[in-house]
């Protein structure tokens, strides 16, 4: 009983340590004062009003959402296909393919960004388009889709596919009616991770952004170099809220349980 109480207390301390910075940022966003301080000097929504009237931040949010949506679509399609091939058809290449798909998690993000920057310049795109940033976001989010889908495929029985084939079901019908419903939690979980990571990533976006383009993390970084107002906390709180909304909507609407992650 005593060891159980100690374990509960330890877990509580860990949760408090992890959540304290988030709570402080959210509370600081309601600061009525002119500077970013904690505890707040009174409570006010003035900095949220300032933030929503700031077209620079609004444009950065739209860019972040666009890049995150495009990157999520590509990484989900590619990662799901790669996971299916790796689990069911790779044979002796199964382990090398798994390692290759996970390499972006092992390399420092800044090295990946520099390599992609050289690649973009080498093919002549320079920084005039969003192409390089999207490619970078797909690369860093792809492993999360691959891991989730591959884990879901481990419970897939080949006998189910053989039974459907014996009944005359084609390849597409077998995938749509048997495999896809079974791996749906993995696909949705991977897409969820991909969207959140793409929306919040900084290094890849900073190195590969096009001229005149700025995602929300980059814009917040530029803002904090010359300003130290609670508007920065309001921007951060919105980013936190968006991540929570994505998780909650996915769980409620699509039936994905968070503990499956």
C-alpha atoms as a PDB file:
ATOM      1  CA  UNK A   1       0.000   0.000   0.000  1.00  0.00           C
ATOM      2  CA  UNK A   2       2.833   2.364   0.892  1.00  0.00           C
ATOM      3  CA  UNK A   3       4.738   1.594  -2.322  1.00  0.00           C
ATOM      4  CA  UNK A   4       1.568   2.237  -4.301  1.00  0.00           C
ATOM      5  CA  UNK A   5       1.133   5.636  -2.672  1.00  0.00           C
ATOM      6  CA  UNK A   6       4.766   6.505  -3.410  1.00  0.00           C
ATOM      7  CA  UNK A   7       4.328   5.484  -7.043  1.00  0.00           C
ATOM      8  CA  UNK A   8       1.200   7.627  -7.342  1.00  0.00           C
ATOM      9  CA  UNK A   9       3.021  10.582  -5.788  1.00  0.00           C
ATOM     10  CA  UNK A  10       5.954  10.106  -8.165  1.00  0.00           C
ATOM     11  CA  UNK A  11       3.615   9.982 -11.182  1.00  0.00           C
ATOM     12  CA  UNK A  12       1.893  13.135  -9.926  1.00  0.00           C
ATOM     13  CA  UNK A  13       5.237  14.932  -9.722  1.00  0.00           C
ATOM     14  CA  UNK A  14       6.126  13.851 -13.262  1.00  0.00           C
ATOM     15  CA  UNK A  15       2.780  15.103 -14.623  1.00  0.00           C
ATOM     16  CA  UNK A  16       3.178  18.379 -12.748  1.00  0.00           C
ATOM     17  CA  UNK A  17       6.687  18.816 -14.136  1.00  0.00           C
ATOM     18  CA  UNK A  18       5.483  18.189 -17.707  1.00  0.00           C
ATOM     19  CA  UNK A  19       2.327  20.313 -17.502  1.00  0.00           C
ATOM     20  CA  UNK A  20       3.644  23.258 -15.464  1.00  0.00           C
ATOM     21  CA  UNK A  21       5.196  25.112 -18.460  1.00  0.00           C
ATOM     22  CA  UNK A  22       1.957  24.770 -20.442  1.00  0.00           C
ATOM     23  CA  UNK A  23      -0.147  26.040 -17.535  1.00  0.00           C
ATOM     24  CA  UNK A  24       2.197  28.993 -16.985  1.00  0.00           C
ATOM     25  CA  UNK A  25       2.075  29.987 -20.679  1.00  0.00           C
ATOM     26  CA  UNK A  26      -1.735  29.797 -20.772  1.00  0.00           C
ATOM     27  CA  UNK A  27      -2.103  31.849 -17.587  1.00  0.00           C
ATOM     28  CA  UNK A  28       0.443  34.400 -18.840  1.00  0.00           C
ATOM     29  CA  UNK A  29      -1.623  34.891 -21.998  1.00  0.00           C
ATOM     30  CA  UNK A  30      -4.391  36.452 -19.865  1.00  0.00           C
ATOM     31  CA  UNK A  31      -1.990  38.995 -18.386  1.00  0.00           C
ATOM     32  CA  UNK A  32      -3.446  42.516 -18.298  1.00  0.00           C
ATOM     33  CA  UNK A  33       0.025  44.065 -18.097  1.00  0.00           C
ATOM     34  CA  UNK A  34       2.179  45.290 -20.951  1.00  0.00           C
ATOM     35  CA  UNK A  35       4.968  42.723 -20.486  1.00  0.00           C
ATOM     36  CA  UNK A  36       5.118  38.933 -20.405  1.00  0.00           C
ATOM     37  CA  UNK A  37       5.372  38.195 -16.685  1.00  0.00           C
ATOM     38  CA  UNK A  38       4.187  35.546 -14.249  1.00  0.00           C
ATOM     39  CA  UNK A  39       2.106  35.684 -12.144  1.00  0.00           C
ATOM     40  CA  UNK A  40      -0.199  37.832 -14.331  1.00  0.00           C
ATOM     41  CA  UNK A  41      -0.727  41.467 -13.415  1.00  0.00           C
ATOM     42  CA  UNK A  42      -4.494  41.137 -13.563  1.00  0.00           C
ATOM     43  CA  UNK A  43      -6.635  39.175 -16.027  1.00  0.00           C
ATOM     44  CA  UNK A  44      -7.611  40.406 -19.477  1.00  0.00           C
ATOM     45  CA  UNK A  45      -8.336  39.189 -23.017  1.00  0.00           C
ATOM     46  CA  UNK A  46      -6.655  42.230 -24.583  1.00  0.00           C
ATOM     47  CA  UNK A  47      -3.724  40.249 -25.980  1.00  0.00           C
ATOM     48  CA  UNK A  48      -6.004  37.702 -27.628  1.00  0.00           C
ATOM     49  CA  UNK A  49      -7.827  40.585 -29.311  1.00  0.00           C
ATOM     50  CA  UNK A  50      -4.470  42.035 -30.388  1.00  0.00           C
ATOM     51  CA  UNK A  51      -3.374  38.659 -31.684  1.00  0.00           C
ATOM     52  CA  UNK A  52      -6.512  38.016 -33.754  1.00  0.00           C
ATOM     53  CA  UNK A  53      -6.225  41.498 -35.247  1.00  0.00           C
ATOM     54  CA  UNK A  54      -2.591  40.908 -36.207  1.00  0.00           C
ATOM     55  CA  UNK A  55      -2.638  40.012 -39.907  1.00  0.00           C
ATOM     56  CA  UNK A  56       0.988  38.844 -39.807  1.00  0.00           C
ATOM     57  CA  UNK A  57       0.157  36.122 -37.285  1.00  0.00           C
ATOM     58  CA  UNK A  58      -3.077  35.230 -39.088  1.00  0.00           C
ATOM     59  CA  UNK A  59      -1.181  34.760 -42.343  1.00  0.00           C
ATOM     60  CA  UNK A  60       1.393  32.602 -40.533  1.00  0.00           C
ATOM     61  CA  UNK A  61      -1.381  30.403 -39.119  1.00  0.00           C
ATOM     62  CA  UNK A  62      -2.879  29.919 -42.578  1.00  0.00           C
ATOM     63  CA  UNK A  63       0.531  28.947 -43.944  1.00  0.00           C
ATOM     64  CA  UNK A  64       1.130  26.496 -41.096  1.00  0.00           C
ATOM     65  CA  UNK A  65      -2.278  24.876 -41.597  1.00  0.00           C
ATOM     66  CA  UNK A  66      -1.784  24.582 -45.359  1.00  0.00           C
ATOM     67  CA  UNK A  67       1.680  23.036 -45.047  1.00  0.00           C
ATOM     68  CA  UNK A  68       0.552  20.693 -42.236  1.00  0.00           C
ATOM     69  CA  UNK A  69      -2.490  19.470 -44.202  1.00  0.00           C
ATOM     70  CA  UNK A  70      -0.510  18.832 -47.389  1.00  0.00           C
ATOM     71  CA  UNK A  71       2.340  17.140 -45.508  1.00  0.00           C
ATOM     72  CA  UNK A  72      -0.115  14.985 -43.541  1.00  0.00           C
ATOM     73  CA  UNK A  73      -1.851  13.778 -46.706  1.00  0.00           C
ATOM     74  CA  UNK A  74       1.414  12.809 -48.409  1.00  0.00           C
ATOM     75  CA  UNK A  75       3.019  11.236 -45.341  1.00  0.00           C
ATOM     76  CA  UNK A  76      -0.152   9.258 -44.556  1.00  0.00           C
ATOM     77  CA  UNK A  77      -0.408   7.808 -48.071  1.00  0.00           C
ATOM     78  CA  UNK A  78       3.321   7.062 -48.398  1.00  0.00           C
ATOM     79  CA  UNK A  79       3.734   5.819 -44.821  1.00  0.00           C
ATOM     80  CA  UNK A  80       0.712   3.505 -45.030  1.00  0.00           C
ATOM     81  CA  UNK A  81       1.887   2.003 -48.333  1.00  0.00           C
ATOM     82  CA  UNK A  82       5.429   1.554 -46.963  1.00  0.00           C
ATOM     83  CA  UNK A  83       4.138  -0.128 -43.790  1.00  0.00           C
ATOM     84  CA  UNK A  84       1.950  -2.551 -45.750  1.00  0.00           C
ATOM     85  CA  UNK A  85       4.840  -3.502 -48.019  1.00  0.00           C
ATOM     86  CA  UNK A  86       7.293  -3.821 -45.120  1.00  0.00           C
ATOM     87  CA  UNK A  87       5.046  -6.064 -43.022  1.00  0.00           C
ATOM     88  CA  UNK A  88       3.558  -8.272 -45.744  1.00  0.00           C
ATOM     89  CA  UNK A  89       5.836  -8.327 -48.776  1.00  0.00           C
ATOM     90  CA  UNK A  90       9.375  -7.224 -47.887  1.00  0.00           C
ATOM     91  CA  UNK A  91      10.709 -10.619 -46.841  1.00  0.00           C
ATOM     92  CA  UNK A  92      14.446 -10.374 -46.111  1.00  0.00           C
ATOM     93  CA  UNK A  93      14.342  -6.630 -46.722  1.00  0.00           C
ATOM     94  CA  UNK A  94      11.914  -6.127 -43.848  1.00  0.00           C
ATOM     95  CA  UNK A  95      14.488  -4.896 -41.334  1.00  0.00           C
ATOM     96  CA  UNK A  96      16.466  -2.651 -43.744  1.00  0.00           C
ATOM     97  CA  UNK A  97      13.232  -0.985 -44.874  1.00  0.00           C
ATOM     98  CA  UNK A  98      12.175  -0.394 -41.265  1.00  0.00           C
ATOM     99  CA  UNK A  99      15.543   1.193 -40.444  1.00  0.00           C
ATOM    100  CA  UNK A 100      15.416   3.351 -43.579  1.00  0.00           C
ATOM    101  CA  UNK A 101      11.946   4.631 -42.694  1.00  0.00           C
ATOM    102  CA  UNK A 102      13.047   5.506 -39.150  1.00  0.00           C
ATOM    103  CA  UNK A 103      16.279   7.310 -40.109  1.00  0.00           C
ATOM    104  CA  UNK A 104      14.637  10.791 -39.953  1.00  0.00           C
ATOM    105  CA  UNK A 105      13.993  10.140 -36.255  1.00  0.00           C
ATOM    106  CA  UNK A 106      17.637   9.243 -35.642  1.00  0.00           C
ATOM    107  CA  UNK A 107      19.225  12.189 -37.451  1.00  0.00           C
ATOM    108  CA  UNK A 108      19.230  15.684 -35.936  1.00  0.00           C
ATOM    109  CA  UNK A 109      16.532  17.738 -37.608  1.00  0.00           C
ATOM    110  CA  UNK A 110      18.978  20.496 -38.502  1.00  0.00           C
ATOM    111  CA  UNK A 111      21.086  18.064 -40.574  1.00  0.00           C
ATOM    112  CA  UNK A 112      18.006  16.948 -42.485  1.00  0.00           C
ATOM    113  CA  UNK A 113      17.081  20.590 -43.091  1.00  0.00           C
ATOM    114  CA  UNK A 114      20.566  21.481 -44.388  1.00  0.00           C
ATOM    115  CA  UNK A 115      20.641  18.447 -46.712  1.00  0.00           C
ATOM    116  CA  UNK A 116      17.229  19.347 -48.101  1.00  0.00           C
ATOM    117  CA  UNK A 117      18.295  22.966 -48.536  1.00  0.00           C
ATOM    118  CA  UNK A 118      21.228  21.834 -50.695  1.00  0.00           C
ATOM    119  CA  UNK A 119      18.864  19.563 -52.641  1.00  0.00           C
ATOM    120  CA  UNK A 120      16.364  22.370 -53.306  1.00  0.00           C
ATOM    121  CA  UNK A 121      19.109  24.668 -54.532  1.00  0.00           C
ATOM    122  CA  UNK A 122      20.638  21.891 -56.653  1.00  0.00           C
ATOM    123  CA  UNK A 123      17.402  21.313 -58.587  1.00  0.00           C
ATOM    124  CA  UNK A 124      17.003  25.042 -59.144  1.00  0.00           C
ATOM    125  CA  UNK A 125      13.969  25.801 -56.989  1.00  0.00           C
ATOM    126  CA  UNK A 126      15.866  28.131 -54.636  1.00  0.00           C
ATOM    127  CA  UNK A 127      13.441  29.442 -52.003  1.00  0.00           C
ATOM    128  CA  UNK A 128      10.734  30.830 -54.239  1.00  0.00           C
ATOM    129  CA  UNK A 129       8.184  28.063 -53.583  1.00  0.00           C
ATOM    130  CA  UNK A 130       6.745  26.025 -50.739  1.00  0.00           C
ATOM    131  CA  UNK A 131       8.041  22.787 -52.290  1.00  0.00           C
ATOM    132  CA  UNK A 132      11.140  22.383 -50.132  1.00  0.00           C
ATOM    133  CA  UNK A 133       9.303  23.037 -46.877  1.00  0.00           C
ATOM    134  CA  UNK A 134       6.574  20.519 -47.730  1.00  0.00           C
ATOM    135  CA  UNK A 135       9.159  17.865 -48.656  1.00  0.00           C
ATOM    136  CA  UNK A 136      10.928  18.478 -45.349  1.00  0.00           C
ATOM    137  CA  UNK A 137       7.708  18.194 -43.378  1.00  0.00           C
ATOM    138  CA  UNK A 138       6.795  14.952 -45.156  1.00  0.00           C
ATOM    139  CA  UNK A 139      10.198  13.446 -44.361  1.00  0.00           C
ATOM    140  CA  UNK A 140      10.086  14.228 -40.640  1.00  0.00           C
ATOM    141  CA  UNK A 141       6.442  13.113 -40.225  1.00  0.00           C
ATOM    142  CA  UNK A 142       6.673   9.944 -42.339  1.00  0.00           C
ATOM    143  CA  UNK A 143       8.198   7.745 -39.587  1.00  0.00           C
ATOM    144  CA  UNK A 144       5.271   8.424 -37.235  1.00  0.00           C
ATOM    145  CA  UNK A 145       2.741   7.226 -39.807  1.00  0.00           C
ATOM    146  CA  UNK A 146       4.905   4.217 -40.631  1.00  0.00           C
ATOM    147  CA  UNK A 147       5.295   3.178 -36.980  1.00  0.00           C
ATOM    148  CA  UNK A 148       1.573   3.449 -36.212  1.00  0.00           C
ATOM    149  CA  UNK A 149       0.406   1.596 -39.318  1.00  0.00           C
ATOM    150  CA  UNK A 150       3.067  -1.122 -38.987  1.00  0.00           C
ATOM    151  CA  UNK A 151       2.002  -1.701 -35.373  1.00  0.00           C
ATOM    152  CA  UNK A 152      -1.646  -1.998 -36.447  1.00  0.00           C
ATOM    153  CA  UNK A 153      -0.693  -4.469 -39.199  1.00  0.00           C
ATOM    154  CA  UNK A 154       0.917  -6.831 -36.697  1.00  0.00           C
ATOM    155  CA  UNK A 155      -2.580  -7.968 -35.634  1.00  0.00           C
ATOM    156  CA  UNK A 156      -3.688  -8.580 -39.242  1.00  0.00           C
ATOM    157  CA  UNK A 157      -4.097 -12.277 -40.038  1.00  0.00           C
ATOM    158  CA  UNK A 158      -3.110 -13.297 -43.610  1.00  0.00           C
ATOM    159  CA  UNK A 159      -5.822 -15.966 -43.425  1.00  0.00           C
ATOM    160  CA  UNK A 160      -8.472 -13.248 -43.590  1.00  0.00           C
ATOM    161  CA  UNK A 161      -7.048 -12.003 -46.871  1.00  0.00           C
ATOM    162  CA  UNK A 162      -6.887 -15.549 -48.248  1.00  0.00           C
ATOM    163  CA  UNK A 163     -10.506 -16.189 -47.273  1.00  0.00           C
ATOM    164  CA  UNK A 164     -11.643 -13.039 -49.066  1.00  0.00           C
ATOM    165  CA  UNK A 165      -9.582 -13.987 -52.111  1.00  0.00           C
ATOM    166  CA  UNK A 166     -11.204 -17.443 -52.194  1.00  0.00           C
ATOM    167  CA  UNK A 167     -14.595 -15.732 -52.251  1.00  0.00           C
ATOM    168  CA  UNK A 168     -13.645 -13.767 -55.347  1.00  0.00           C
ATOM    169  CA  UNK A 169     -12.723 -10.403 -53.803  1.00  0.00           C
ATOM    170  CA  UNK A 170     -10.221  -8.379 -55.814  1.00  0.00           C
ATOM    171  CA  UNK A 171      -7.111  -6.695 -54.395  1.00  0.00           C
ATOM    172  CA  UNK A 172      -8.802  -3.303 -54.025  1.00  0.00           C
ATOM    173  CA  UNK A 173     -11.932  -4.805 -52.445  1.00  0.00           C
ATOM    174  CA  UNK A 174      -9.833  -6.791 -49.963  1.00  0.00           C
ATOM    175  CA  UNK A 175      -7.906  -3.678 -48.968  1.00  0.00           C
ATOM    176  CA  UNK A 176     -10.996  -1.468 -48.660  1.00  0.00           C
ATOM    177  CA  UNK A 177     -13.278  -3.904 -46.836  1.00  0.00           C
ATOM    178  CA  UNK A 178     -10.845  -5.986 -44.737  1.00  0.00           C
ATOM    179  CA  UNK A 179      -7.438  -4.411 -44.226  1.00  0.00           C
ATOM    180  CA  UNK A 180      -8.338  -0.718 -44.073  1.00  0.00           C
ATOM    181  CA  UNK A 181     -10.987  -1.049 -41.295  1.00  0.00           C
ATOM    182  CA  UNK A 182      -8.517  -3.087 -39.226  1.00  0.00           C
ATOM    183  CA  UNK A 183      -5.586  -0.683 -39.598  1.00  0.00           C
ATOM    184  CA  UNK A 184      -7.729   2.470 -39.377  1.00  0.00           C
ATOM    185  CA  UNK A 185      -6.628   3.301 -35.800  1.00  0.00           C
ATOM    186  CA  UNK A 186      -2.990   3.168 -36.914  1.00  0.00           C
ATOM    187  CA  UNK A 187      -3.622   5.302 -39.999  1.00  0.00           C
ATOM    188  CA  UNK A 188      -5.574   7.900 -38.026  1.00  0.00           C
ATOM    189  CA  UNK A 189      -3.044   7.929 -35.210  1.00  0.00           C
ATOM    190  CA  UNK A 190      -0.172   8.384 -37.659  1.00  0.00           C
ATOM    191  CA  UNK A 191      -1.986  11.184 -39.489  1.00  0.00           C
ATOM    192  CA  UNK A 192      -2.717  12.882 -36.171  1.00  0.00           C
ATOM    193  CA  UNK A 193       0.927  12.776 -35.129  1.00  0.00           C
ATOM    194  CA  UNK A 194       2.000  13.973 -38.570  1.00  0.00           C
ATOM    195  CA  UNK A 195      -0.325  16.988 -38.483  1.00  0.00           C
ATOM    196  CA  UNK A 196       0.672  18.110 -34.985  1.00  0.00           C
ATOM    197  CA  UNK A 197       4.408  17.676 -35.611  1.00  0.00           C
ATOM    198  CA  UNK A 198       4.225  19.431 -38.982  1.00  0.00           C
ATOM    199  CA  UNK A 199       2.247  22.337 -37.533  1.00  0.00           C
ATOM    200  CA  UNK A 200       4.694  22.870 -34.665  1.00  0.00           C
ATOM    201  CA  UNK A 201       8.055  22.119 -36.294  1.00  0.00           C
ATOM    202  CA  UNK A 202      10.534  24.989 -36.450  1.00  0.00           C
ATOM    203  CA  UNK A 203      13.946  23.976 -37.801  1.00  0.00           C
ATOM    204  CA  UNK A 204      12.772  22.445 -41.091  1.00  0.00           C
ATOM    205  CA  UNK A 205      10.423  25.371 -41.715  1.00  0.00           C
ATOM    206  CA  UNK A 206      13.065  27.966 -40.841  1.00  0.00           C
ATOM    207  CA  UNK A 207      15.674  26.498 -43.197  1.00  0.00           C
ATOM    208  CA  UNK A 208      13.355  25.736 -46.125  1.00  0.00           C
ATOM    209  CA  UNK A 209      10.733  28.482 -46.062  1.00  0.00           C
ATOM    210  CA  UNK A 210      10.096  30.347 -49.264  1.00  0.00           C
ATOM    211  CA  UNK A 211      10.604  34.075 -49.690  1.00  0.00           C
ATOM    212  CA  UNK A 212       7.838  35.940 -47.874  1.00  0.00           C
ATOM    213  CA  UNK A 213       6.546  32.731 -46.248  1.00  0.00           C
ATOM    214  CA  UNK A 214       6.426  32.255 -42.524  1.00  0.00           C
ATOM    215  CA  UNK A 215       4.831  29.534 -40.419  1.00  0.00           C
ATOM    216  CA  UNK A 216       3.494  30.222 -36.933  1.00  0.00           C
ATOM    217  CA  UNK A 217       6.603  28.971 -35.033  1.00  0.00           C
ATOM    218  CA  UNK A 218       8.873  31.091 -37.254  1.00  0.00           C
ATOM    219  CA  UNK A 219       6.694  34.169 -36.860  1.00  0.00           C
ATOM    220  CA  UNK A 220       6.604  33.695 -33.091  1.00  0.00           C
ATOM    221  CA  UNK A 221      10.399  33.382 -33.024  1.00  0.00           C
ATOM    222  CA  UNK A 222      10.793  36.607 -35.026  1.00  0.00           C
ATOM    223  CA  UNK A 223       8.293  38.363 -32.758  1.00  0.00           C
ATOM    224  CA  UNK A 224      10.107  37.405 -29.548  1.00  0.00           C
ATOM    225  CA  UNK A 225      13.385  38.841 -30.823  1.00  0.00           C
ATOM    226  CA  UNK A 226      11.999  42.377 -30.611  1.00  0.00           C
ATOM    227  CA  UNK A 227       8.908  42.094 -28.385  1.00  0.00           C
ATOM    228  CA  UNK A 228       8.183  40.594 -25.004  1.00  0.00           C
ATOM    229  CA  UNK A 229       4.449  41.079 -24.587  1.00  0.00           C
ATOM    230  CA  UNK A 230       1.770  38.557 -23.523  1.00  0.00           C
ATOM    231  CA  UNK A 231       0.724  38.362 -27.182  1.00  0.00           C
ATOM    232  CA  UNK A 232       3.440  35.709 -27.573  1.00  0.00           C
ATOM    233  CA  UNK A 233       1.775  33.660 -24.818  1.00  0.00           C
ATOM    234  CA  UNK A 234      -1.585  34.086 -26.565  1.00  0.00           C
ATOM    235  CA  UNK A 235      -0.082  32.723 -29.793  1.00  0.00           C
ATOM    236  CA  UNK A 236       1.420  29.766 -27.922  1.00  0.00           C
ATOM    237  CA  UNK A 237      -1.879  29.096 -26.137  1.00  0.00           C
ATOM    238  CA  UNK A 238      -3.684  28.976 -29.486  1.00  0.00           C
ATOM    239  CA  UNK A 239      -1.165  26.441 -30.787  1.00  0.00           C
ATOM    240  CA  UNK A 240      -1.674  24.315 -27.667  1.00  0.00           C
ATOM    241  CA  UNK A 241      -5.455  24.584 -28.012  1.00  0.00           C
ATOM    242  CA  UNK A 242      -5.317  23.571 -31.673  1.00  0.00           C
ATOM    243  CA  UNK A 243      -3.334  20.437 -30.838  1.00  0.00           C
ATOM    244  CA  UNK A 244      -5.828  19.524 -28.115  1.00  0.00           C
ATOM    245  CA  UNK A 245      -8.784  20.102 -30.442  1.00  0.00           C
ATOM    246  CA  UNK A 246      -7.269  17.817 -33.091  1.00  0.00           C
ATOM    247  CA  UNK A 247      -6.739  15.053 -30.515  1.00  0.00           C
ATOM    248  CA  UNK A 248     -10.213  15.383 -28.955  1.00  0.00           C
ATOM    249  CA  UNK A 249     -12.068  15.561 -32.280  1.00  0.00           C
ATOM    250  CA  UNK A 250     -10.209  12.530 -33.577  1.00  0.00           C
ATOM    251  CA  UNK A 251     -11.064  10.568 -30.452  1.00  0.00           C
ATOM    252  CA  UNK A 252     -14.738  11.566 -30.366  1.00  0.00           C
ATOM    253  CA  UNK A 253     -15.616  11.580 -34.050  1.00  0.00           C
ATOM    254  CA  UNK A 254     -13.493   8.664 -35.268  1.00  0.00           C
ATOM    255  CA  UNK A 255     -13.455   6.605 -32.097  1.00  0.00           C
ATOM    256  CA  UNK A 256      -9.693   6.635 -31.673  1.00  0.00           C
ATOM    257  CA  UNK A 257      -8.592   6.023 -28.094  1.00  0.00           C
ATOM    258  CA  UNK A 258      -5.638   8.030 -26.932  1.00  0.00           C
ATOM    259  CA  UNK A 259      -4.119   5.108 -25.049  1.00  0.00           C
ATOM    260  CA  UNK A 260      -3.681   3.270 -28.352  1.00  0.00           C
ATOM    261  CA  UNK A 261      -0.786   5.630 -29.101  1.00  0.00           C
END
